PDB file of N, CA and C in Angstrom:
ATOM      1  N   MET A   1     108.783  90.363  90.371  1.00  0.00           N
ATOM      2  CA  MET A   1     108.610  91.098  91.445  1.00  0.00           C
ATOM      3  C   MET A   1     107.702  90.489  92.646  1.00  0.00           C
ATOM      4  N   ILE A   2     108.086  90.407  93.904  1.00  0.00           N
ATOM      5  CA  ILE A   2     107.484  89.818  94.821  1.00  0.00           C
ATOM      6  C   ILE A   2     107.092  90.874  95.949  1.00  0.00           C
ATOM      7  N   GLU A   3     106.146  90.597  96.939  1.00  0.00           N
ATOM      8  CA  GLU A   3     105.654  91.357  97.900  1.00  0.00           C
ATOM      9  C   GLU A   3     106.755  91.745  98.849  1.00  0.00           C
ATOM     10  N   ASN A   4     107.679  90.877  99.294  1.00  0.00           N
ATOM     11  CA  ASN A   4     108.481  91.259 100.368  1.00  0.00           C
ATOM     12  C   ASN A   4     109.615  89.951 100.073  1.00  0.00           C
ATOM     13  N   ASP A   5     111.189  90.617 100.315  1.00  0.00           N
ATOM     14  CA  ASP A   5     112.211  89.673  99.990  1.00  0.00           C
ATOM     15  C   ASP A   5     113.070  89.687 101.364  1.00  0.00           C
ATOM     16  N   HIS A   6     112.795  90.395 102.246  1.00  0.00           N
ATOM     17  CA  HIS A   6     113.495  90.311 103.440  1.00  0.00           C
ATOM     18  C   HIS A   6     112.691  90.554 104.701  1.00  0.00           C
ATOM     19  N   GLU A   7     113.000  89.521 105.656  1.00  0.00           N
ATOM     20  CA  GLU A   7     112.264  89.508 107.001  1.00  0.00           C
ATOM     21  C   GLU A   7     112.364  90.849 107.566  1.00  0.00           C
ATOM     22  N   ASP A   8     113.400  91.513 107.587  1.00  0.00           N
ATOM     23  CA  ASP A   8     113.603  92.630 108.332  1.00  0.00           C
ATOM     24  C   ASP A   8     113.152  94.115 107.753  1.00  0.00           C
ATOM     25  N   TYR A   9     112.670  93.793 106.614  1.00  0.00           N
ATOM     26  CA  TYR A   9     112.374  95.119 105.818  1.00  0.00           C
ATOM     27  C   TYR A   9     110.761  95.060 105.269  1.00  0.00           C
ATOM     28  N   LYS A  10     109.919  94.329 106.086  1.00  0.00           N
ATOM     29  CA  LYS A  10     108.541  94.073 105.656  1.00  0.00           C
ATOM     30  C   LYS A  10     107.866  95.157 105.163  1.00  0.00           C
ATOM     31  N   ARG A  11     108.287  96.604 105.868  1.00  0.00           N
ATOM     32  CA  ARG A  11     107.538  97.730 105.522  1.00  0.00           C
ATOM     33  C   ARG A  11     107.660  98.188 104.152  1.00  0.00           C
ATOM     34  N   HIS A  12     108.795  97.595 103.645  1.00  0.00           N
ATOM     35  CA  HIS A  12     109.197  98.102 102.061  1.00  0.00           C
ATOM     36  C   HIS A  12     108.458  96.937 101.200  1.00  0.00           C
ATOM     37  N   ARG A  13     107.851  97.521  99.967  1.00  0.00           N
ATOM     38  CA  ARG A  13     107.170  96.606  99.211  1.00  0.00           C
ATOM     39  C   ARG A  13     106.885  97.412  97.909  1.00  0.00           C
ATOM     40  N   PRO A  14     106.617  96.789  96.686  1.00  0.00           N
ATOM     41  CA  PRO A  14     107.207  95.438  96.245  1.00  0.00           C
ATOM     42  C   PRO A  14     108.849  95.391  96.086  1.00  0.00           C
ATOM     43  N   TRP A  15     109.335  94.034  95.911  1.00  0.00           N
ATOM     44  CA  TRP A  15     110.554  93.855  95.564  1.00  0.00           C
ATOM     45  C   TRP A  15     110.983  93.381  94.499  1.00  0.00           C
ATOM     46  N   LEU A  16     111.928  93.582  93.801  1.00  0.00           N
ATOM     47  CA  LEU A  16     112.612  93.085  92.679  1.00  0.00           C
ATOM     48  C   LEU A  16     113.598  91.992  93.142  1.00  0.00           C
ATOM     49  N   ALA A  17     113.309  90.797  92.849  1.00  0.00           N
ATOM     50  CA  ALA A  17     114.001  89.853  93.557  1.00  0.00           C
ATOM     51  C   ALA A  17     114.661  88.662  92.507  1.00  0.00           C
ATOM     52  N   ALA A  18     115.702  88.253  92.712  1.00  0.00           N
ATOM     53  CA  ALA A  18     116.233  86.983  92.138  1.00  0.00           C
ATOM     54  C   ALA A  18     116.421  87.195  90.606  1.00  0.00           C
ATOM     55  N   VAL A  19     117.108  88.557  90.410  1.00  0.00           N
ATOM     56  CA  VAL A  19     117.461  88.666  89.009  1.00  0.00           C
ATOM     57  C   VAL A  19     118.624  88.073  88.828  1.00  0.00           C
ATOM     58  N   TYR A  20     118.913  87.298  87.772  1.00  0.00           N
ATOM     59  CA  TYR A  20     120.084  86.491  87.253  1.00  0.00           C
ATOM     60  C   TYR A  20     120.129  86.372  85.853  1.00  0.00           C
ATOM     61  N   VAL A  21     121.294  86.563  85.226  1.00  0.00           N
ATOM     62  CA  VAL A  21     121.634  86.462  83.990  1.00  0.00           C
ATOM     63  C   VAL A  21     122.801  85.610  83.827  1.00  0.00           C
ATOM     64  N   ASP A  22     122.502  84.466  82.898  1.00  0.00           N
ATOM     65  CA  ASP A  22     123.537  83.291  82.800  1.00  0.00           C
ATOM     66  C   ASP A  22     124.732  84.181  82.180  1.00  0.00           C
ATOM     67  N   PRO A  23     125.975  83.661  82.665  1.00  0.00           N
ATOM     68  CA  PRO A  23     127.104  84.218  82.432  1.00  0.00           C
ATOM     69  C   PRO A  23     127.323  84.501  80.782  1.00  0.00           C
ATOM     70  N   CYS A  24     126.952  83.554  80.047  1.00  0.00           N
ATOM     71  CA  CYS A  24     127.241  83.577  78.641  1.00  0.00           C
ATOM     72  C   CYS A  24     126.224  84.580  78.073  1.00  0.00           C
ATOM     73  N   HIS A  25     125.336  85.263  78.794  1.00  0.00           N
ATOM     74  CA  HIS A  25     124.530  86.613  78.241  1.00  0.00           C
ATOM     75  C   HIS A  25     124.939  87.719  78.992  1.00  0.00           C
ATOM     76  N   ARG A  26     125.819  87.867  79.857  1.00  0.00           N
ATOM     77  CA  ARG A  26     126.137  88.954  80.539  1.00  0.00           C
ATOM     78  C   ARG A  26     126.896  90.142  79.615  1.00  0.00           C
ATOM     79  N   ARG A  27     126.664  91.224  79.862  1.00  0.00           N
ATOM     80  CA  ARG A  27     127.380  92.558  79.443  1.00  0.00           C
ATOM     81  C   ARG A  27     126.693  92.627  78.053  1.00  0.00           C
ATOM     82  N   LYS A  28     125.276  92.291  77.886  1.00  0.00           N
ATOM     83  CA  LYS A  28     124.815  92.414  76.825  1.00  0.00           C
ATOM     84  C   LYS A  28     123.428  93.330  76.824  1.00  0.00           C
ATOM     85  N   GLY A  29     123.345  93.607  78.067  1.00  0.00           N
ATOM     86  CA  GLY A  29     121.865  94.590  78.302  1.00  0.00           C
ATOM     87  C   GLY A  29     120.685  93.973  78.770  1.00  0.00           C
ATOM     88  N   VAL A  30     120.972  92.407  79.046  1.00  0.00           N
ATOM     89  CA  VAL A  30     120.022  91.548  79.384  1.00  0.00           C
ATOM     90  C   VAL A  30     119.386  91.955  80.809  1.00  0.00           C
ATOM     91  N   ALA A  31     120.196  92.307  81.860  1.00  0.00           N
ATOM     92  CA  ALA A  31     119.881  92.594  83.172  1.00  0.00           C
ATOM     93  C   ALA A  31     119.165  93.910  83.042  1.00  0.00           C
ATOM     94  N   ARG A  32     119.638  94.789  82.386  1.00  0.00           N
ATOM     95  CA  ARG A  32     118.923  96.104  82.147  1.00  0.00           C
ATOM     96  C   ARG A  32     117.632  95.944  81.722  1.00  0.00           C
ATOM     97  N   GLN A  33     117.496  95.310  80.518  1.00  0.00           N
ATOM     98  CA  GLN A  33     116.218  95.077  80.042  1.00  0.00           C
ATOM     99  C   GLN A  33     115.025  94.289  81.057  1.00  0.00           C
ATOM    100  N   LEU A  34     115.579  93.394  81.900  1.00  0.00           N
ATOM    101  CA  LEU A  34     114.813  92.893  82.936  1.00  0.00           C
ATOM    102  C   LEU A  34     114.430  93.877  84.123  1.00  0.00           C
ATOM    103  N   VAL A  35     115.314  94.488  84.289  1.00  0.00           N
ATOM    104  CA  VAL A  35     114.977  95.548  85.560  1.00  0.00           C
ATOM    105  C   VAL A  35     114.056  96.825  84.970  1.00  0.00           C
ATOM    106  N   LYS A  36     114.331  96.942  83.753  1.00  0.00           N
ATOM    107  CA  LYS A  36     113.356  98.081  83.195  1.00  0.00           C
ATOM    108  C   LYS A  36     112.147  97.409  83.040  1.00  0.00           C
ATOM    109  N   PHE A  37     111.820  96.386  82.694  1.00  0.00           N
ATOM    110  CA  PHE A  37     110.525  95.651  82.461  1.00  0.00           C
ATOM    111  C   PHE A  37     109.800  95.705  83.886  1.00  0.00           C
ATOM    112  N   ALA A  38     110.525  95.172  84.846  1.00  0.00           N
ATOM    113  CA  ALA A  38     110.100  94.981  86.158  1.00  0.00           C
ATOM    114  C   ALA A  38     109.596  96.413  86.706  1.00  0.00           C
ATOM    115  N   GLU A  39     110.526  97.668  86.364  1.00  0.00           N
ATOM    116  CA  GLU A  39     110.191  98.842  86.900  1.00  0.00           C
ATOM    117  C   GLU A  39     108.741  99.430  86.262  1.00  0.00           C
ATOM    118  N   LYS A  40     108.760  99.062  84.818  1.00  0.00           N
ATOM    119  CA  LYS A  40     107.470  99.495  84.100  1.00  0.00           C
ATOM    120  C   LYS A  40     106.197  98.757  84.727  1.00  0.00           C
ATOM    121  N   THR A  41     106.354  97.402  84.883  1.00  0.00           N
ATOM    122  CA  THR A  41     105.282  96.558  85.340  1.00  0.00           C
ATOM    123  C   THR A  41     104.713  97.208  86.826  1.00  0.00           C
ATOM    124  N   ALA A  42     105.752  97.516  87.767  1.00  0.00           N
ATOM    125  CA  ALA A  42     105.275  98.132  88.860  1.00  0.00           C
ATOM    126  C   ALA A  42     104.534  99.385  88.751  1.00  0.00           C
ATOM    127  N   ARG A  43     105.403 100.354  87.771  1.00  0.00           N
ATOM    128  CA  ARG A  43     104.831 101.587  87.772  1.00  0.00           C
ATOM    129  C   ARG A  43     103.090 101.421  87.017  1.00  0.00           C
ATOM    130  N   ASP A  44     103.177 100.660  86.341  1.00  0.00           N
ATOM    131  CA  ASP A  44     101.726 100.252  85.741  1.00  0.00           C
ATOM    132  C   ASP A  44     100.555  99.740  86.656  1.00  0.00           C
ATOM    133  N   ARG A  45     101.148  99.101  87.714  1.00  0.00           N
ATOM    134  CA  ARG A  45     100.326  98.579  88.710  1.00  0.00           C
ATOM    135  C   ARG A  45     100.171  99.609  89.683  1.00  0.00           C
ATOM    136  N   GLY A  46     100.418 100.998  89.627  1.00  0.00           N
ATOM    137  CA  GLY A  46     100.332 101.883  90.430  1.00  0.00           C
ATOM    138  C   GLY A  46     101.499 102.040  91.808  1.00  0.00           C
ATOM    139  N   GLU A  47     102.538 101.355  91.665  1.00  0.00           N
ATOM    140  CA  GLU A  47     103.501 101.353  92.772  1.00  0.00           C
ATOM    141  C   GLU A  47     104.164 102.594  92.659  1.00  0.00           C
ATOM    142  N   LYS A  48     104.771 103.119  93.616  1.00  0.00           N
ATOM    143  CA  LYS A  48     105.444 104.178  93.804  1.00  0.00           C
ATOM    144  C   LYS A  48     107.025 104.164  93.843  1.00  0.00           C
ATOM    145  N   GLN A  49     107.193 102.915  94.467  1.00  0.00           N
ATOM    146  CA  GLN A  49     108.609 102.427  94.646  1.00  0.00           C
ATOM    147  C   GLN A  49     108.994 101.122  94.419  1.00  0.00           C
ATOM    148  N   LEU A  50     110.122 100.720  94.205  1.00  0.00           N
ATOM    149  CA  LEU A  50     110.470  99.442  94.177  1.00  0.00           C
ATOM    150  C   LEU A  50     111.817  99.191  94.868  1.00  0.00           C
ATOM    151  N   PHE A  51     111.765  97.907  95.648  1.00  0.00           N
ATOM    152  CA  PHE A  51     112.971  97.870  96.532  1.00  0.00           C
ATOM    153  C   PHE A  51     113.780  96.707  96.102  1.00  0.00           C
ATOM    154  N   LEU A  52     115.051  96.306  96.373  1.00  0.00           N
ATOM    155  CA  LEU A  52     116.013  95.341  96.323  1.00  0.00           C
ATOM    156  C   LEU A  52     117.003  95.198  97.419  1.00  0.00           C
ATOM    157  N   TYR A  53     117.456  94.109  97.559  1.00  0.00           N
ATOM    158  CA  TYR A  53     118.810  94.179  98.402  1.00  0.00           C
ATOM    159  C   TYR A  53     119.879  93.292  97.520  1.00  0.00           C
ATOM    160  N   THR A  54     121.045  93.484  97.620  1.00  0.00           N
ATOM    161  CA  THR A  54     122.128  93.242  96.476  1.00  0.00           C
ATOM    162  C   THR A  54     123.436  93.173  97.224  1.00  0.00           C
ATOM    163  N   LEU A  55     124.519  92.373  96.764  1.00  0.00           N
ATOM    164  CA  LEU A  55     125.886  92.441  97.078  1.00  0.00           C
ATOM    165  C   LEU A  55     126.631  93.296  96.017  1.00  0.00           C
ATOM    166  N   THR A  56     125.928  93.807  95.126  1.00  0.00           N
ATOM    167  CA  THR A  56     126.655  94.428  93.789  1.00  0.00           C
ATOM    168  C   THR A  56     125.768  95.351  93.634  1.00  0.00           C
ATOM    169  N   PRO A  57     125.745  96.542  94.382  1.00  0.00           N
ATOM    170  CA  PRO A  57     124.898  97.811  94.013  1.00  0.00           C
ATOM    171  C   PRO A  57     125.385  98.591  92.843  1.00  0.00           C
ATOM    172  N   GLU A  58     126.790  98.492  92.286  1.00  0.00           N
ATOM    173  CA  GLU A  58     126.992  99.203  91.235  1.00  0.00           C
ATOM    174  C   GLU A  58     126.117  98.938  90.086  1.00  0.00           C
ATOM    175  N   ILE A  59     125.788  97.626  89.817  1.00  0.00           N
ATOM    176  CA  ILE A  59     124.880  97.392  88.702  1.00  0.00           C
ATOM    177  C   ILE A  59     123.677  98.248  88.841  1.00  0.00           C
ATOM    178  N   TYR A  60     122.932  98.346  89.935  1.00  0.00           N
ATOM    179  CA  TYR A  60     121.772  98.984  89.876  1.00  0.00           C
ATOM    180  C   TYR A  60     121.757 100.648  89.989  1.00  0.00           C
ATOM    181  N   ARG A  61     123.161 101.049  90.662  1.00  0.00           N
ATOM    182  CA  ARG A  61     123.474 102.490  90.605  1.00  0.00           C
ATOM    183  C   ARG A  61     123.420 102.992  89.241  1.00  0.00           C
ATOM    184  N   ALA A  62     123.919 102.278  88.366  1.00  0.00           N
ATOM    185  CA  ALA A  62     123.938 102.653  87.071  1.00  0.00           C
ATOM    186  C   ALA A  62     122.578 102.674  86.417  1.00  0.00           C
ATOM    187  N   MET A  63     121.601 102.091  86.966  1.00  0.00           N
ATOM    188  CA  MET A  63     120.198 102.220  86.380  1.00  0.00           C
ATOM    189  C   MET A  63     119.192 103.250  87.382  1.00  0.00           C
ATOM    190  N   ASN A  64     119.994 103.963  88.107  1.00  0.00           N
ATOM    191  CA  ASN A  64     119.411 105.077  89.063  1.00  0.00           C
ATOM    192  C   ASN A  64     118.772 104.607  90.228  1.00  0.00           C
ATOM    193  N   TRP A  65     119.024 103.375  90.647  1.00  0.00           N
ATOM    194  CA  TRP A  65     118.656 102.763  91.794  1.00  0.00           C
ATOM    195  C   TRP A  65     119.675 103.561  92.859  1.00  0.00           C
ATOM    196  N   LYS A  66     119.017 103.668  94.277  1.00  0.00           N
ATOM    197  CA  LYS A  66     119.742 104.563  95.229  1.00  0.00           C
ATOM    198  C   LYS A  66     119.978 103.427  96.517  1.00  0.00           C
ATOM    199  N   ILE A  67     121.021 103.706  97.067  1.00  0.00           N
ATOM    200  CA  ILE A  67     121.307 102.747  98.219  1.00  0.00           C
ATOM    201  C   ILE A  67     120.726 103.534  99.358  1.00  0.00           C
ATOM    202  N   ILE A  68     119.794 102.926 100.028  1.00  0.00           N
ATOM    203  CA  ILE A  68     119.035 103.517 101.108  1.00  0.00           C
ATOM    204  C   ILE A  68     119.601 102.909 102.577  1.00  0.00           C
ATOM    205  N   GLU A  69     120.255 101.848 102.455  1.00  0.00           N
ATOM    206  CA  GLU A  69     120.784 101.154 103.891  1.00  0.00           C
ATOM    207  C   GLU A  69     121.863 100.243 103.488  1.00  0.00           C
ATOM    208  N   THR A  70     122.820 100.082 104.485  1.00  0.00           N
ATOM    209  CA  THR A  70     123.772  98.994 104.497  1.00  0.00           C
ATOM    210  C   THR A  70     123.648  98.158 105.695  1.00  0.00           C
ATOM    211  N   PHE A  71     123.528  96.775 105.389  1.00  0.00           N
ATOM    212  CA  PHE A  71     123.258  95.894 106.341  1.00  0.00           C
ATOM    213  C   PHE A  71     123.899  94.614 106.192  1.00  0.00           C
ATOM    214  N   GLY A  72     123.973  93.856 107.339  1.00  0.00           N
ATOM    215  CA  GLY A  72     124.606  92.515 107.165  1.00  0.00           C
ATOM    216  C   GLY A  72     125.940  92.529 106.915  1.00  0.00           C
ATOM    217  N   ASP A  73     126.498  91.688 106.005  1.00  0.00           N
ATOM    218  CA  ASP A  73     127.851  91.415 105.436  1.00  0.00           C
ATOM    219  C   ASP A  73     128.046  92.056 104.202  1.00  0.00           C
ATOM    220  N   ASN A  74     128.077  93.413 103.947  1.00  0.00           N
ATOM    221  CA  ASN A  74     128.270  94.185 102.955  1.00  0.00           C
ATOM    222  C   ASN A  74     127.127  93.720 101.927  1.00  0.00           C
ATOM    223  N   GLN A  75     125.960  94.043 102.316  1.00  0.00           N
ATOM    224  CA  GLN A  75     124.621  93.997 101.667  1.00  0.00           C
ATOM    225  C   GLN A  75     123.991  95.264 101.621  1.00  0.00           C
ATOM    226  N   PHE A  76     123.334  95.851 100.591  1.00  0.00           N
ATOM    227  CA  PHE A  76     122.839  96.922 100.327  1.00  0.00           C
ATOM    228  C   PHE A  76     121.234  96.873  99.952  1.00  0.00           C
ATOM    229  N   LEU A  77     120.415  97.568 100.780  1.00  0.00           N
ATOM    230  CA  LEU A  77     119.116  97.850 100.474  1.00  0.00           C
ATOM    231  C   LEU A  77     118.905  98.966  99.419  1.00  0.00           C
ATOM    232  N   MET A  78     118.291  98.752  98.421  1.00  0.00           N
ATOM    233  CA  MET A  78     118.403  99.789  97.430  1.00  0.00           C
ATOM    234  C   MET A  78     116.850  99.971  97.071  1.00  0.00           C
ATOM    235  N   ASN A  79     116.347 101.226  96.368  1.00  0.00           N
ATOM    236  CA  ASN A  79     115.224 101.565  95.913  1.00  0.00           C
ATOM    237  C   ASN A  79     115.265 102.605  94.655  1.00  0.00           C
ATOM    238  N   ILE A  80     113.979 102.559  93.808  1.00  0.00           N
ATOM    239  CA  ILE A  80     114.047 103.452  92.866  1.00  0.00           C
ATOM    240  C   ILE A  80     112.588 104.145  92.788  1.00  0.00           C
ATOM    241  N   GLU A  81     112.618 105.453  92.809  1.00  0.00           N
ATOM    242  CA  GLU A  81     111.088 106.087  92.778  1.00  0.00           C
ATOM    243  C   GLU A  81     110.728 105.961  91.264  1.00  0.00           C
ATOM    244  N   LEU A  82     109.447 105.388  91.391  1.00  0.00           N
ATOM    245  CA  LEU A  82     108.767 105.164  90.218  1.00  0.00           C
ATOM    246  C   LEU A  82     107.794 106.103  89.827  1.00  0.00           C
ATOM    247  N   SER A  83     108.219 107.336  89.408  1.00  0.00           N
ATOM    248  CA  SER A  83     107.168 108.677  89.011  1.00  0.00           C
ATOM    249  C   SER A  83     106.905 108.350  87.583  1.00  0.00           C
TER     250      SER A  83
END
């Protein structure tokens, strides 16, 4: 998690950024565990939302993230409510 990950969206915070899983470990639930850990950490810190941008929204949609804007060359701004 970082405070901000996109110059044009400074009003949104905090951000999930730079999630990467090595190809030999993909499709094993590793990304899901990383994202869920970040969500729990943000929730424990009292955050109400978490944001990210991605070229592959289907990965995050499967984890209940919502597209809130499309921008640039097929990039998606997404968030999740942390209630």
